[in-house]
Amino acid sequence: MLAMTVQVQRVYPHRLGYKVIYSRSDLYPGVVHIPGRWFTEAAGKAEIIYTSHPSAPYLTVFYRNGEVSHLRLFVHSNRAHRTWGALPSSQDPREAFESDEFRIVY
């Protein structure tokens, strides 16, 4: 099993999941959408871990045989923290959360 971790800049919760802005290796921001159903299924693909540790927020992606196995999203437990955001109501992210394919650019 291989694990890759990226530093998260901002987390946008939505009723359908989480939009995550993270730092890529080229220092440009990357964006991933993690469907909420991944956190609730019995054999879920994702975990969210609330913490007050100074290293949060970050995202760890676990790979098995070159395929994404599961992810762990570590976020600040205080929702008032600057790394939490809110999606504008004018945005409709439904399409972004529909896919079960997770693609991340490191």
Protein backbone atom coordinates (compact mmCIF):
# COMPACT_ATOMS: atom_id res chain seq x y z
CA MET A 1 0.00 0.00 0.00
CA LEU A 2 1.22 3.49 -0.91
CA ALA A 3 0.05 6.71 0.75
CA MET A 4 0.38 10.21 -0.68
CA THR A 5 -0.34 13.30 1.42
CA VAL A 6 -1.09 16.84 0.25
CA GLN A 7 -1.52 20.01 2.29
CA VAL A 8 -5.05 21.38 2.06
CA GLN A 9 -5.62 25.11 1.67
CA ARG A 10 -9.39 25.19 2.02
CA VAL A 11 -12.33 22.84 2.55
CA TYR A 12 -15.81 23.68 1.29
CA PRO A 13 -18.51 21.48 2.79
CA HIS A 14 -21.65 20.87 0.78
CA ARG A 15 -24.62 18.59 1.35
CA LEU A 16 -23.23 16.39 -1.46
CA GLY A 17 -19.63 16.22 -0.19
CA TYR A 18 -16.49 18.29 0.17
CA LYS A 19 -14.71 20.48 -2.35
CA VAL A 20 -11.03 20.53 -1.38
CA ILE A 21 -8.42 23.02 -2.59
CA TYR A 22 -4.93 21.62 -2.03
CA SER A 23 -1.30 22.47 -2.84
CA ARG A 24 0.20 20.58 -5.78
CA SER A 25 3.94 19.86 -6.01
CA ASP A 26 4.32 22.69 -8.57
CA LEU A 27 2.84 25.06 -5.94
CA TYR A 28 -0.32 25.67 -7.95
CA PRO A 29 -3.65 24.92 -6.31
CA GLY A 30 -5.44 21.70 -7.18
CA VAL A 31 -9.12 20.91 -6.70
CA VAL A 32 -10.82 17.62 -5.85
CA HIS A 33 -14.43 16.84 -5.02
CA ILE A 34 -15.07 14.06 -2.52
CA PRO A 35 -18.64 12.73 -2.60
CA GLY A 36 -20.38 12.66 0.78
CA ARG A 37 -21.58 9.10 0.19
CA TRP A 38 -17.94 7.97 0.41
CA PHE A 39 -17.94 8.95 4.09
CA THR A 40 -21.16 7.15 5.03
CA GLU A 41 -21.16 3.79 3.28
CA ALA A 42 -20.32 0.72 5.34
CA ALA A 43 -17.24 0.06 3.22
CA GLY A 44 -16.71 3.77 2.62
CA LYS A 45 -13.88 5.11 0.52
CA ALA A 46 -13.22 8.11 2.78
CA GLU A 47 -12.89 9.19 6.38
CA ILE A 48 -13.04 12.70 7.78
CA ILE A 49 -10.99 13.29 10.89
CA TYR A 50 -11.55 16.42 12.97
CA THR A 51 -8.46 17.65 14.82
CA SER A 52 -6.93 20.76 16.33
CA HIS A 53 -3.42 19.66 15.37
CA PRO A 54 -1.44 22.45 13.65
CA SER A 55 -0.65 20.22 10.63
CA ALA A 56 -4.33 20.13 9.63
CA PRO A 57 -5.88 20.37 7.16
CA TYR A 58 -4.38 17.74 4.88
CA LEU A 59 -5.51 14.88 2.67
CA THR A 60 -3.94 11.43 2.52
CA VAL A 61 -4.76 9.21 -0.46
CA PHE A 62 -4.08 5.48 -0.13
CA TYR A 63 -3.31 3.37 -3.20
CA ARG A 64 -3.44 -0.39 -3.62
CA ASN A 65 -2.15 -1.90 -6.87
CA GLY A 66 -2.00 1.56 -8.45
CA GLU A 67 -5.69 2.29 -7.76
CA VAL A 68 -7.14 4.64 -5.14
CA SER A 69 -8.14 2.47 -2.20
CA HIS A 70 -9.42 5.13 0.22
CA LEU A 71 -8.75 8.63 1.55
CA ARG A 72 -8.51 10.41 4.85
CA LEU A 73 -9.33 14.09 5.09
CA PHE A 74 -7.94 15.72 8.22
CA VAL A 75 -9.70 19.02 8.99
CA HIS A 76 -9.79 21.56 11.79
CA SER A 77 -12.42 20.75 14.38
CA ASN A 78 -13.24 24.45 14.70
CA ARG A 79 -15.51 25.33 11.75
CA ALA A 80 -14.59 29.01 12.25
CA HIS A 81 -10.98 28.24 11.27
CA ARG A 82 -9.79 30.12 8.16
CA THR A 83 -9.37 26.85 6.21
CA TRP A 84 -13.13 26.23 6.19
CA GLY A 85 -15.07 27.96 3.43
CA ALA A 86 -18.58 28.16 2.05
CA LEU A 87 -19.57 27.54 -1.55
CA PRO A 88 -21.54 30.41 -3.09
CA SER A 89 -25.19 29.51 -3.46
CA SER A 90 -24.88 30.37 -7.17
CA GLN A 91 -22.55 27.38 -7.66
CA ASP A 92 -24.16 24.05 -8.45
CA PRO A 93 -21.52 21.37 -7.80
CA ARG A 94 -23.84 18.36 -8.31
CA GLU A 95 -22.01 17.17 -11.40
CA ALA A 96 -18.62 17.29 -9.66
CA PHE A 97 -19.88 15.04 -6.84
CA GLU A 98 -21.60 12.47 -9.09
CA SER A 99 -18.47 10.65 -10.23
CA ASP A 100 -17.03 7.75 -8.26
CA GLU A 101 -13.68 8.23 -9.98
CA PHE A 102 -11.16 10.15 -7.88
CA ARG A 103 -8.43 11.99 -9.78
CA ILE A 104 -5.78 14.05 -8.05
CA VAL A 105 -2.77 15.82 -9.57
CA TYR A 106 0.27 15.89 -7.34
